[in-house]
Amino acid sequence: MKASALLAKILIILIFLGMANASQLYSYQERVIICLLPLEYANAEQLADTLAPFLSPQGKISAYSPTNTLIIKDQPQVVMKLIKAIKGVEDLSECQNFHNGPEADHQIPLD
C-alpha cells in the first residue's frame, strides 16, 4: 500500500472519529504566534539560549535586553509550555501582546 493511500485512510478515520478536522490538521502545523514575555527575575538573553532546544522546527526565540523581554515565535502549544516553565502558568495572557477576546484582530483557538 502506498504511503499516501495509508495517510489518506488514517486521516479519514481520524475525521470520522471526530479527533481532527481536515482544515485544522493542515493549518495547525503551520500556524505560529508571537509572544512578548517580559521577565522580572531572570535574564532574557540567558533564558533564550536555555529554552532554544525546546522549540519546534518552526520556532524561534530571542531576547530584547533593554526591557528584559523574551520574544517567542512558535506554535501555540509550544509557547504555552514555555510560559508554564518560566512563569508557572500555562496561559497565553502572560504575553504582553496577547489578545484573544472579541475585540482582538486575531483569535487563537487553544484546543
PDB file of N, CA and C in Angstrom:
ATOM      1  N   MET A   1       0.850  -1.172   0.000  1.00  0.00           N
ATOM      2  CA  MET A   1       0.000   0.000   0.000  1.00  0.00           C
ATOM      3  C   MET A   1       0.899   1.240   0.000  1.00  0.00           C
ATOM      4  N   LYS A   2       0.583   2.188  -0.835  1.00  0.00           N
ATOM      5  CA  LYS A   2       1.366   3.407  -0.914  1.00  0.00           C
ATOM      6  C   LYS A   2       1.187   4.236   0.357  1.00  0.00           C
ATOM      7  N   ALA A   3       2.234   4.984   0.682  1.00  0.00           N
ATOM      8  CA  ALA A   3       2.209   5.796   1.896  1.00  0.00           C
ATOM      9  C   ALA A   3       1.089   6.844   1.835  1.00  0.00           C
ATOM     10  N   SER A   4       0.863   7.424   0.666  1.00  0.00           N
ATOM     11  CA  SER A   4      -0.174   8.446   0.553  1.00  0.00           C
ATOM     12  C   SER A   4      -1.567   7.846   0.754  1.00  0.00           C
ATOM     13  N   ALA A   5      -1.783   6.628   0.284  1.00  0.00           N
ATOM     14  CA  ALA A   5      -3.072   5.974   0.485  1.00  0.00           C
ATOM     15  C   ALA A   5      -3.278   5.651   1.956  1.00  0.00           C
ATOM     16  N   LEU A   6      -2.209   5.208   2.623  1.00  0.00           N
ATOM     17  CA  LEU A   6      -2.299   4.902   4.041  1.00  0.00           C
ATOM     18  C   LEU A   6      -2.572   6.171   4.840  1.00  0.00           C
ATOM     19  N   LEU A   7      -1.902   7.258   4.504  1.00  0.00           N
ATOM     20  CA  LEU A   7      -2.112   8.535   5.178  1.00  0.00           C
ATOM     21  C   LEU A   7      -3.547   9.010   4.977  1.00  0.00           C
ATOM     22  N   ALA A   8      -4.074   8.863   3.780  1.00  0.00           N
ATOM     23  CA  ALA A   8      -5.447   9.263   3.498  1.00  0.00           C
ATOM     24  C   ALA A   8      -6.431   8.457   4.332  1.00  0.00           C
ATOM     25  N   LYS A   9      -6.199   7.153   4.466  1.00  0.00           N
ATOM     26  CA  LYS A   9      -7.088   6.306   5.276  1.00  0.00           C
ATOM     27  C   LYS A   9      -7.027   6.706   6.744  1.00  0.00           C
ATOM     28  N   ILE A  10      -5.833   6.998   7.245  1.00  0.00           N
ATOM     29  CA  ILE A  10      -5.702   7.421   8.644  1.00  0.00           C
ATOM     30  C   ILE A  10      -6.431   8.738   8.862  1.00  0.00           C
ATOM     31  N   LEU A  11      -6.282   9.673   7.935  1.00  0.00           N
ATOM     32  CA  LEU A  11      -6.954  10.964   8.031  1.00  0.00           C
ATOM     33  C   LEU A  11      -8.467  10.789   8.033  1.00  0.00           C
ATOM     34  N   ILE A  12      -8.993   9.936   7.173  1.00  0.00           N
ATOM     35  CA  ILE A  12     -10.437   9.680   7.120  1.00  0.00           C
ATOM     36  C   ILE A  12     -10.916   9.079   8.435  1.00  0.00           C
ATOM     37  N   ILE A  13     -10.154   8.159   8.982  1.00  0.00           N
ATOM     38  CA  ILE A  13     -10.527   7.545  10.265  1.00  0.00           C
ATOM     39  C   ILE A  13     -10.544   8.592  11.370  1.00  0.00           C
ATOM     40  N   LEU A  14      -9.522   9.461  11.412  1.00  0.00           N
ATOM     41  CA  LEU A  14      -9.469  10.492  12.440  1.00  0.00           C
ATOM     42  C   LEU A  14     -10.631  11.471  12.324  1.00  0.00           C
ATOM     43  N   ILE A  15     -10.961  11.843  11.097  1.00  0.00           N
ATOM     44  CA  ILE A  15     -12.096  12.742  10.886  1.00  0.00           C
ATOM     45  C   ILE A  15     -13.385  12.057  11.311  1.00  0.00           C
ATOM     46  N   PHE A  16     -13.539  10.799  10.939  1.00  0.00           N
ATOM     47  CA  PHE A  16     -14.733  10.050  11.293  1.00  0.00           C
ATOM     48  C   PHE A  16     -14.879   9.947  12.805  1.00  0.00           C
ATOM     49  N   LEU A  17     -13.787   9.764  13.504  1.00  0.00           N
ATOM     50  CA  LEU A  17     -13.831   9.631  14.959  1.00  0.00           C
ATOM     51  C   LEU A  17     -13.949  10.979  15.664  1.00  0.00           C
ATOM     52  N   GLY A  18     -13.905  12.052  14.906  1.00  0.00           N
ATOM     53  CA  GLY A  18     -14.040  13.375  15.496  1.00  0.00           C
ATOM     54  C   GLY A  18     -12.774  13.872  16.166  1.00  0.00           C
ATOM     55  N   MET A  19     -11.647  13.281  15.855  1.00  0.00           N
ATOM     56  CA  MET A  19     -10.400  13.674  16.505  1.00  0.00           C
ATOM     57  C   MET A  19      -9.670  14.761  15.746  1.00  0.00           C
ATOM     58  N   ALA A  20     -10.051  15.007  14.520  1.00  0.00           N
ATOM     59  CA  ALA A  20      -9.351  16.017  13.734  1.00  0.00           C
ATOM     60  C   ALA A  20     -10.305  16.609  12.716  1.00  0.00           C
ATOM     61  N   ASN A  21     -10.071  17.819  12.374  1.00  0.00           N
ATOM     62  CA  ASN A  21     -10.789  18.499  11.325  1.00  0.00           C
ATOM     63  C   ASN A  21      -9.773  18.681  10.199  1.00  0.00           C
ATOM     64  N   ALA A  22     -10.101  18.293   9.001  1.00  0.00           N
ATOM     65  CA  ALA A  22      -9.127  18.294   7.903  1.00  0.00           C
ATOM     66  C   ALA A  22      -8.502  19.673   7.694  1.00  0.00           C
ATOM     67  N   SER A  23      -9.300  20.729   7.778  1.00  0.00           N
ATOM     68  CA  SER A  23      -8.736  22.064   7.567  1.00  0.00           C
ATOM     69  C   SER A  23      -7.811  22.461   8.706  1.00  0.00           C
ATOM     70  N   GLN A  24      -8.122  22.056   9.941  1.00  0.00           N
ATOM     71  CA  GLN A  24      -7.275  22.389  11.076  1.00  0.00           C
ATOM     72  C   GLN A  24      -6.014  21.548  11.081  1.00  0.00           C
ATOM     73  N   LEU A  25      -6.089  20.322  10.605  1.00  0.00           N
ATOM     74  CA  LEU A  25      -4.939  19.431  10.644  1.00  0.00           C
ATOM     75  C   LEU A  25      -3.784  20.022   9.847  1.00  0.00           C
ATOM     76  N   TYR A  26      -4.070  20.580   8.704  1.00  0.00           N
ATOM     77  CA  TYR A  26      -3.003  21.180   7.901  1.00  0.00           C
ATOM     78  C   TYR A  26      -2.529  22.497   8.516  1.00  0.00           C
ATOM     79  N   SER A  27      -3.464  23.383   8.833  1.00  0.00           N
ATOM     80  CA  SER A  27      -3.077  24.709   9.303  1.00  0.00           C
ATOM     81  C   SER A  27      -2.486  24.678  10.704  1.00  0.00           C
ATOM     82  N   TYR A  28      -2.849  23.698  11.514  1.00  0.00           N
ATOM     83  CA  TYR A  28      -2.349  23.632  12.883  1.00  0.00           C
ATOM     84  C   TYR A  28      -0.840  23.475  12.899  1.00  0.00           C
ATOM     85  N   GLN A  29      -0.302  22.714  11.963  1.00  0.00           N
ATOM     86  CA  GLN A  29       1.139  22.528  11.914  1.00  0.00           C
ATOM     87  C   GLN A  29       1.847  23.776  11.409  1.00  0.00           C
ATOM     88  N   GLU A  30       1.170  24.600  10.669  1.00  0.00           N
ATOM     89  CA  GLU A  30       1.783  25.770  10.066  1.00  0.00           C
ATOM     90  C   GLU A  30       1.622  27.027  10.917  1.00  0.00           C
ATOM     91  N   ARG A  31       0.600  27.077  11.761  1.00  0.00           N
ATOM     92  CA  ARG A  31       0.287  28.297  12.499  1.00  0.00           C
ATOM     93  C   ARG A  31       1.331  28.568  13.583  1.00  0.00           C
ATOM     94  N   VAL A  32       1.788  29.786  13.659  1.00  0.00           N
ATOM     95  CA  VAL A  32       2.688  30.210  14.722  1.00  0.00           C
ATOM     96  C   VAL A  32       2.160  31.517  15.313  1.00  0.00           C
ATOM     97  N   ILE A  33       2.513  31.758  16.547  1.00  0.00           N
ATOM     98  CA  ILE A  33       2.159  33.006  17.206  1.00  0.00           C
ATOM     99  C   ILE A  33       3.442  33.647  17.730  1.00  0.00           C
ATOM    100  N   ILE A  34       3.364  34.905  18.059  1.00  0.00           N
ATOM    101  CA  ILE A  34       4.494  35.613  18.644  1.00  0.00           C
ATOM    102  C   ILE A  34       4.072  36.100  20.022  1.00  0.00           C
ATOM    103  N   CYS A  35       4.898  35.792  21.001  1.00  0.00           N
ATOM    104  CA  CYS A  35       4.627  36.177  22.384  1.00  0.00           C
ATOM    105  C   CYS A  35       5.771  37.054  22.886  1.00  0.00           C
ATOM    106  N   LEU A  36       5.430  38.244  23.389  1.00  0.00           N
ATOM    107  CA  LEU A  36       6.393  39.110  24.053  1.00  0.00           C
ATOM    108  C   LEU A  36       6.233  38.876  25.550  1.00  0.00           C
ATOM    109  N   LEU A  37       7.241  38.286  26.166  1.00  0.00           N
ATOM    110  CA  LEU A  37       7.147  37.870  27.560  1.00  0.00           C
ATOM    111  C   LEU A  37       8.159  38.630  28.418  1.00  0.00           C
ATOM    112  N   PRO A  38       7.703  39.693  29.107  1.00  0.00           N
ATOM    113  CA  PRO A  38       8.614  40.443  29.969  1.00  0.00           C
ATOM    114  C   PRO A  38       9.017  39.590  31.180  1.00  0.00           C
ATOM    115  N   LEU A  39      10.277  39.695  31.567  1.00  0.00           N
ATOM    116  CA  LEU A  39      10.789  38.927  32.701  1.00  0.00           C
ATOM    117  C   LEU A  39      11.194  39.871  33.832  1.00  0.00           C
ATOM    118  N   GLU A  40      10.995  39.415  35.062  1.00  0.00           N
ATOM    119  CA  GLU A  40      11.379  40.215  36.215  1.00  0.00           C
ATOM    120  C   GLU A  40      12.608  39.650  36.916  1.00  0.00           C
ATOM    121  N   TYR A  41      12.675  38.341  37.055  1.00  0.00           N
ATOM    122  CA  TYR A  41      13.699  37.729  37.901  1.00  0.00           C
ATOM    123  C   TYR A  41      14.700  36.867  37.150  1.00  0.00           C
ATOM    124  N   ALA A  42      14.654  36.896  35.845  1.00  0.00           N
ATOM    125  CA  ALA A  42      15.583  36.096  35.036  1.00  0.00           C
ATOM    126  C   ALA A  42      16.153  36.974  33.929  1.00  0.00           C
ATOM    127  N   ASN A  43      17.308  36.612  33.458  1.00  0.00           N
ATOM    128  CA  ASN A  43      17.958  37.322  32.362  1.00  0.00           C
ATOM    129  C   ASN A  43      17.427  36.766  31.044  1.00  0.00           C
ATOM    130  N   ALA A  44      16.807  37.611  30.232  1.00  0.00           N
ATOM    131  CA  ALA A  44      16.177  37.178  28.985  1.00  0.00           C
ATOM    132  C   ALA A  44      17.176  36.546  28.023  1.00  0.00           C
ATOM    133  N   GLU A  45      18.373  37.087  27.925  1.00  0.00           N
ATOM    134  CA  GLU A  45      19.366  36.545  26.996  1.00  0.00           C
ATOM    135  C   GLU A  45      19.798  35.134  27.399  1.00  0.00           C
ATOM    136  N   GLN A  46      20.039  34.926  28.677  1.00  0.00           N
ATOM    137  CA  GLN A  46      20.436  33.596  29.145  1.00  0.00           C
ATOM    138  C   GLN A  46      19.290  32.599  28.986  1.00  0.00           C
ATOM    139  N   LEU A  47      18.071  33.050  29.300  1.00  0.00           N
ATOM    140  CA  LEU A  47      16.917  32.159  29.201  1.00  0.00           C
ATOM    141  C   LEU A  47      16.623  31.784  27.752  1.00  0.00           C
ATOM    142  N   ALA A  48      16.820  32.710  26.829  1.00  0.00           N
ATOM    143  CA  ALA A  48      16.599  32.414  25.406  1.00  0.00           C
ATOM    144  C   ALA A  48      17.520  31.289  24.949  1.00  0.00           C
ATOM    145  N   ASP A  49      18.775  31.344  25.358  1.00  0.00           N
ATOM    146  CA  ASP A  49      19.721  30.281  24.999  1.00  0.00           C
ATOM    147  C   ASP A  49      19.324  28.946  25.625  1.00  0.00           C
ATOM    148  N   THR A  50      18.836  28.991  26.858  1.00  0.00           N
ATOM    149  CA  THR A  50      18.457  27.769  27.571  1.00  0.00           C
ATOM    150  C   THR A  50      17.225  27.113  26.959  1.00  0.00           C
ATOM    151  N   LEU A  51      16.258  27.923  26.510  1.00  0.00           N
ATOM    152  CA  LEU A  51      14.983  27.390  26.016  1.00  0.00           C
ATOM    153  C   LEU A  51      14.989  27.054  24.525  1.00  0.00           C
ATOM    154  N   ALA A  52      15.965  27.523  23.788  1.00  0.00           N
ATOM    155  CA  ALA A  52      16.004  27.302  22.340  1.00  0.00           C
ATOM    156  C   ALA A  52      15.874  25.836  21.927  1.00  0.00           C
ATOM    157  N   PRO A  53      16.492  24.872  22.632  1.00  0.00           N
ATOM    158  CA  PRO A  53      16.348  23.470  22.212  1.00  0.00           C
ATOM    159  C   PRO A  53      14.929  22.905  22.343  1.00  0.00           C
ATOM    160  N   PHE A  54      14.053  23.596  23.064  1.00  0.00           N
ATOM    161  CA  PHE A  54      12.698  23.094  23.290  1.00  0.00           C
ATOM    162  C   PHE A  54      11.689  23.611  22.278  1.00  0.00           C
ATOM    163  N   LEU A  55      12.142  24.390  21.315  1.00  0.00           N
ATOM    164  CA  LEU A  55      11.255  24.920  20.283  1.00  0.00           C
ATOM    165  C   LEU A  55      11.000  23.891  19.195  1.00  0.00           C
ATOM    166  N   SER A  56       9.900  24.075  18.477  1.00  0.00           N
ATOM    167  CA  SER A  56       9.629  23.249  17.302  1.00  0.00           C
ATOM    168  C   SER A  56      10.558  23.699  16.176  1.00  0.00           C
ATOM    169  N   PRO A  57      10.621  22.962  15.065  1.00  0.00           N
ATOM    170  CA  PRO A  57      11.450  23.396  13.932  1.00  0.00           C
ATOM    171  C   PRO A  57      11.046  24.772  13.386  1.00  0.00           C
ATOM    172  N   GLN A  58       9.786  25.149  13.568  1.00  0.00           N
ATOM    173  CA  GLN A  58       9.308  26.446  13.102  1.00  0.00           C
ATOM    174  C   GLN A  58       9.645  27.566  14.077  1.00  0.00           C
ATOM    175  N   GLY A  59       9.988  27.222  15.308  1.00  0.00           N
ATOM    176  CA  GLY A  59      10.115  28.203  16.373  1.00  0.00           C
ATOM    177  C   GLY A  59      11.402  28.994  16.370  1.00  0.00           C
ATOM    178  N   LYS A  60      11.320  30.139  17.025  1.00  0.00           N
ATOM    179  CA  LYS A  60      12.481  30.999  17.208  1.00  0.00           C
ATOM    180  C   LYS A  60      12.291  31.755  18.516  1.00  0.00           C
ATOM    181  N   ILE A  61      13.382  31.933  19.243  1.00  0.00           N
ATOM    182  CA  ILE A  61      13.318  32.696  20.486  1.00  0.00           C
ATOM    183  C   ILE A  61      14.493  33.664  20.512  1.00  0.00           C
ATOM    184  N   SER A  62      14.219  34.882  20.945  1.00  0.00           N
ATOM    185  CA  SER A  62      15.287  35.864  21.069  1.00  0.00           C
ATOM    186  C   SER A  62      14.976  36.750  22.269  1.00  0.00           C
ATOM    187  N   ALA A  63      15.964  37.521  22.663  1.00  0.00           N
ATOM    188  CA  ALA A  63      15.814  38.402  23.816  1.00  0.00           C
ATOM    189  C   ALA A  63      15.952  39.851  23.381  1.00  0.00           C
ATOM    190  N   TYR A  64      15.173  40.694  24.015  1.00  0.00           N
ATOM    191  CA  TYR A  64      15.309  42.138  23.847  1.00  0.00           C
ATOM    192  C   TYR A  64      15.790  42.673  25.188  1.00  0.00           C
ATOM    193  N   SER A  65      17.092  42.905  25.292  1.00  0.00           N
ATOM    194  CA  SER A  65      17.696  43.212  26.579  1.00  0.00           C
ATOM    195  C   SER A  65      17.295  44.555  27.200  1.00  0.00           C
ATOM    196  N   PRO A  66      17.001  45.622  26.429  1.00  0.00           N
ATOM    197  CA  PRO A  66      16.613  46.878  27.095  1.00  0.00           C
ATOM    198  C   PRO A  66      15.395  46.741  28.020  1.00  0.00           C
ATOM    199  N   THR A  67      14.467  45.850  27.679  1.00  0.00           N
ATOM    200  CA  THR A  67      13.295  45.647  28.538  1.00  0.00           C
ATOM    201  C   THR A  67      13.285  44.263  29.177  1.00  0.00           C
ATOM    202  N   ASN A  68      14.367  43.500  29.000  1.00  0.00           N
ATOM    203  CA  ASN A  68      14.470  42.138  29.540  1.00  0.00           C
ATOM    204  C   ASN A  68      13.241  41.302  29.147  1.00  0.00           C
ATOM    205  N   THR A  69      12.968  41.263  27.862  1.00  0.00           N
ATOM    206  CA  THR A  69      11.786  40.587  27.323  1.00  0.00           C
ATOM    207  C   THR A  69      12.197  39.466  26.383  1.00  0.00           C
ATOM    208  N   LEU A  70      11.524  38.327  26.519  1.00  0.00           N
ATOM    209  CA  LEU A  70      11.702  37.226  25.573  1.00  0.00           C
ATOM    210  C   LEU A  70      10.722  37.414  24.424  1.00  0.00           C
ATOM    211  N   ILE A  71      11.160  37.173  23.222  1.00  0.00           N
ATOM    212  CA  ILE A  71      10.293  37.182  22.049  1.00  0.00           C
ATOM    213  C   ILE A  71      10.258  35.748  21.550  1.00  0.00           C
ATOM    214  N   ILE A  72       9.104  35.112  21.711  1.00  0.00           N
ATOM    215  CA  ILE A  72       8.953  33.694  21.364  1.00  0.00           C
ATOM    216  C   ILE A  72       8.010  33.588  20.179  1.00  0.00           C
ATOM    217  N   LYS A  73       8.470  32.941  19.118  1.00  0.00           N
ATOM    218  CA  LYS A  73       7.638  32.702  17.937  1.00  0.00           C
ATOM    219  C   LYS A  73       7.589  31.193  17.733  1.00  0.00           C
ATOM    220  N   ASP A  74       6.400  30.613  17.878  1.00  0.00           N
ATOM    221  CA  ASP A  74       6.260  29.167  17.721  1.00  0.00           C
ATOM    222  C   ASP A  74       4.782  28.803  17.708  1.00  0.00           C
ATOM    223  N   GLN A  75       4.514  27.522  17.662  1.00  0.00           N
ATOM    224  CA  GLN A  75       3.150  27.017  17.709  1.00  0.00           C
ATOM    225  C   GLN A  75       2.556  27.310  19.090  1.00  0.00           C
ATOM    226  N   PRO A  76       1.248  27.580  19.168  1.00  0.00           N
ATOM    227  CA  PRO A  76       0.642  27.960  20.448  1.00  0.00           C
ATOM    228  C   PRO A  76       0.930  26.988  21.593  1.00  0.00           C
ATOM    229  N   GLN A  77       0.879  25.688  21.326  1.00  0.00           N
ATOM    230  CA  GLN A  77       1.089  24.734  22.415  1.00  0.00           C
ATOM    231  C   GLN A  77       2.529  24.762  22.924  1.00  0.00           C
ATOM    232  N   VAL A  78       3.484  25.038  22.058  1.00  0.00           N
ATOM    233  CA  VAL A  78       4.886  25.141  22.473  1.00  0.00           C
ATOM    234  C   VAL A  78       5.084  26.412  23.296  1.00  0.00           C
ATOM    235  N   VAL A  79       4.506  27.513  22.831  1.00  0.00           N
ATOM    236  CA  VAL A  79       4.619  28.779  23.563  1.00  0.00           C
ATOM    237  C   VAL A  79       4.018  28.624  24.958  1.00  0.00           C
ATOM    238  N   MET A  80       2.859  27.964  25.058  1.00  0.00           N
ATOM    239  CA  MET A  80       2.230  27.771  26.365  1.00  0.00           C
ATOM    240  C   MET A  80       3.106  26.942  27.297  1.00  0.00           C
ATOM    241  N   LYS A  81       3.747  25.910  26.774  1.00  0.00           N
ATOM    242  CA  LYS A  81       4.636  25.083  27.601  1.00  0.00           C
ATOM    243  C   LYS A  81       5.825  25.897  28.104  1.00  0.00           C
ATOM    244  N   LEU A  82       6.380  26.754  27.256  1.00  0.00           N
ATOM    245  CA  LEU A  82       7.497  27.595  27.676  1.00  0.00           C
ATOM    246  C   LEU A  82       7.056  28.602  28.732  1.00  0.00           C
ATOM    247  N   ILE A  83       5.870  29.181  28.551  1.00  0.00           N
ATOM    248  CA  ILE A  83       5.352  30.113  29.551  1.00  0.00           C
ATOM    249  C   ILE A  83       5.172  29.410  30.888  1.00  0.00           C
ATOM    250  N   LYS A  84       4.674  28.174  30.835  1.00  0.00           N
ATOM    251  CA  LYS A  84       4.492  27.426  32.088  1.00  0.00           C
ATOM    252  C   LYS A  84       5.839  27.174  32.765  1.00  0.00           C
ATOM    253  N   ALA A  85       6.853  26.856  31.985  1.00  0.00           N
ATOM    254  CA  ALA A  85       8.181  26.614  32.556  1.00  0.00           C
ATOM    255  C   ALA A  85       8.758  27.891  33.169  1.00  0.00           C
ATOM    256  N   ILE A  86       8.449  29.038  32.568  1.00  0.00           N
ATOM    257  CA  ILE A  86       9.018  30.302  33.038  1.00  0.00           C
ATOM    258  C   ILE A  86       8.191  30.924  34.163  1.00  0.00           C
ATOM    259  N   LYS A  87       6.887  31.018  33.947  1.00  0.00           N
ATOM    260  CA  LYS A  87       6.013  31.748  34.872  1.00  0.00           C
ATOM    261  C   LYS A  87       5.199  30.852  35.803  1.00  0.00           C
ATOM    262  N   GLY A  88       5.126  29.554  35.494  1.00  0.00           N
ATOM    263  CA  GLY A  88       4.371  28.636  36.343  1.00  0.00           C
ATOM    264  C   GLY A  88       2.914  28.475  35.958  1.00  0.00           C
ATOM    265  N   VAL A  89       2.471  29.184  34.933  1.00  0.00           N
ATOM    266  CA  VAL A  89       1.092  29.045  34.442  1.00  0.00           C
ATOM    267  C   VAL A  89       1.116  28.837  32.940  1.00  0.00           C
ATOM    268  N   GLU A  90       0.196  28.035  32.456  1.00  0.00           N
ATOM    269  CA  GLU A  90       0.116  27.742  31.024  1.00  0.00           C
ATOM    270  C   GLU A  90      -0.971  28.617  30.415  1.00  0.00           C
ATOM    271  N   ASP A  91      -0.660  29.922  30.280  1.00  0.00           N
ATOM    272  CA  ASP A  91      -1.671  30.893  29.885  1.00  0.00           C
ATOM    273  C   ASP A  91      -1.060  31.930  28.946  1.00  0.00           C
ATOM    274  N   LEU A  92      -1.593  32.029  27.753  1.00  0.00           N
ATOM    275  CA  LEU A  92      -1.079  32.983  26.772  1.00  0.00           C
ATOM    276  C   LEU A  92      -1.321  34.428  27.177  1.00  0.00           C
ATOM    277  N   SER A  93      -2.185  34.670  28.153  1.00  0.00           N
ATOM    278  CA  SER A  93      -2.415  36.047  28.596  1.00  0.00           C
ATOM    279  C   SER A  93      -1.189  36.624  29.301  1.00  0.00           C
ATOM    280  N   GLU A  94      -0.207  35.790  29.636  1.00  0.00           N
ATOM    281  CA  GLU A  94       1.059  36.270  30.188  1.00  0.00           C
ATOM    282  C   GLU A  94       1.857  37.043  29.144  1.00  0.00           C
ATOM    283  N   CYS A  95       1.545  36.816  27.875  1.00  0.00           N
ATOM    284  CA  CYS A  95       2.227  37.539  26.798  1.00  0.00           C
ATOM    285  C   CYS A  95       1.752  38.987  26.810  1.00  0.00           C
ATOM    286  N   GLN A  96       2.681  39.897  26.724  1.00  0.00           N
ATOM    287  CA  GLN A  96       2.365  41.315  26.765  1.00  0.00           C
ATOM    288  C   GLN A  96       1.481  41.730  25.595  1.00  0.00           C
ATOM    289  N   ASN A  97       1.627  41.070  24.465  1.00  0.00           N
ATOM    290  CA  ASN A  97       0.912  41.444  23.248  1.00  0.00           C
ATOM    291  C   ASN A  97      -0.284  40.556  22.953  1.00  0.00           C
ATOM    292  N   PHE A  98      -0.690  39.688  23.884  1.00  0.00           N
ATOM    293  CA  PHE A  98      -1.735  38.702  23.583  1.00  0.00           C
ATOM    294  C   PHE A  98      -3.124  39.277  23.819  1.00  0.00           C
ATOM    295  N   HIS A  99      -4.003  39.077  22.847  1.00  0.00           N
ATOM    296  CA  HIS A  99      -5.417  39.434  22.968  1.00  0.00           C
ATOM    297  C   HIS A  99      -6.204  38.312  22.313  1.00  0.00           C
ATOM    298  N   ASN A 100      -7.186  37.779  23.019  1.00  0.00           N
ATOM    299  CA  ASN A 100      -7.985  36.695  22.439  1.00  0.00           C
ATOM    300  C   ASN A 100      -9.470  36.923  22.683  1.00  0.00           C
ATOM    301  N   GLY A 101      -9.858  38.173  22.901  1.00  0.00           N
ATOM    302  CA  GLY A 101     -11.261  38.465  23.127  1.00  0.00           C
ATOM    303  C   GLY A 101     -11.965  38.824  21.838  1.00  0.00           C
ATOM    304  N   PRO A 102     -13.237  39.212  21.933  1.00  0.00           N
ATOM    305  CA  PRO A 102     -13.991  39.552  20.724  1.00  0.00           C
ATOM    306  C   PRO A 102     -13.421  40.760  19.993  1.00  0.00           C
ATOM    307  N   GLU A 103     -12.698  41.630  20.713  1.00  0.00           N
ATOM    308  CA  GLU A 103     -12.130  42.810  20.065  1.00  0.00           C
ATOM    309  C   GLU A 103     -10.785  42.541  19.409  1.00  0.00           C
ATOM    310  N   ALA A 104     -10.259  41.349  19.574  1.00  0.00           N
ATOM    311  CA  ALA A 104      -8.935  41.032  19.032  1.00  0.00           C
ATOM    312  C   ALA A 104      -8.970  40.942  17.508  1.00  0.00           C
ATOM    313  N   ASP A 105      -7.876  41.374  16.890  1.00  0.00           N
ATOM    314  CA  ASP A 105      -7.755  41.257  15.439  1.00  0.00           C
ATOM    315  C   ASP A 105      -7.623  39.802  15.015  1.00  0.00           C
ATOM    316  N   HIS A 106      -7.019  39.009  15.865  1.00  0.00           N
ATOM    317  CA  HIS A 106      -6.830  37.576  15.588  1.00  0.00           C
ATOM    318  C   HIS A 106      -7.227  36.806  16.824  1.00  0.00           C
ATOM    319  N   GLN A 107      -7.845  35.701  16.637  1.00  0.00           N
ATOM    320  CA  GLN A 107      -8.194  34.849  17.760  1.00  0.00           C
ATOM    321  C   GLN A 107      -7.505  33.514  17.577  1.00  0.00           C
ATOM    322  N   ILE A 108      -6.991  32.993  18.664  1.00  0.00           N
ATOM    323  CA  ILE A 108      -6.218  31.766  18.607  1.00  0.00           C
ATOM    324  C   ILE A 108      -6.993  30.662  19.310  1.00  0.00           C
ATOM    325  N   PRO A 109      -7.448  29.651  18.582  1.00  0.00           N
ATOM    326  CA  PRO A 109      -8.099  28.522  19.249  1.00  0.00           C
ATOM    327  C   PRO A 109      -7.053  27.752  20.055  1.00  0.00           C
ATOM    328  N   LEU A 110      -7.342  27.496  21.308  1.00  0.00           N
ATOM    329  CA  LEU A 110      -6.363  26.867  22.183  1.00  0.00           C
ATOM    330  C   LEU A 110      -6.525  25.361  22.275  1.00  0.00           C
ATOM    331  N   ASP A 111      -7.494  24.804  21.596  1.00  0.00           N
ATOM    332  CA  ASP A 111      -7.671  23.334  21.617  1.00  0.00           C
ATOM    333  C   ASP A 111      -6.970  22.690  20.472  1.00  0.00           C
TER     334      ASP A 111
END
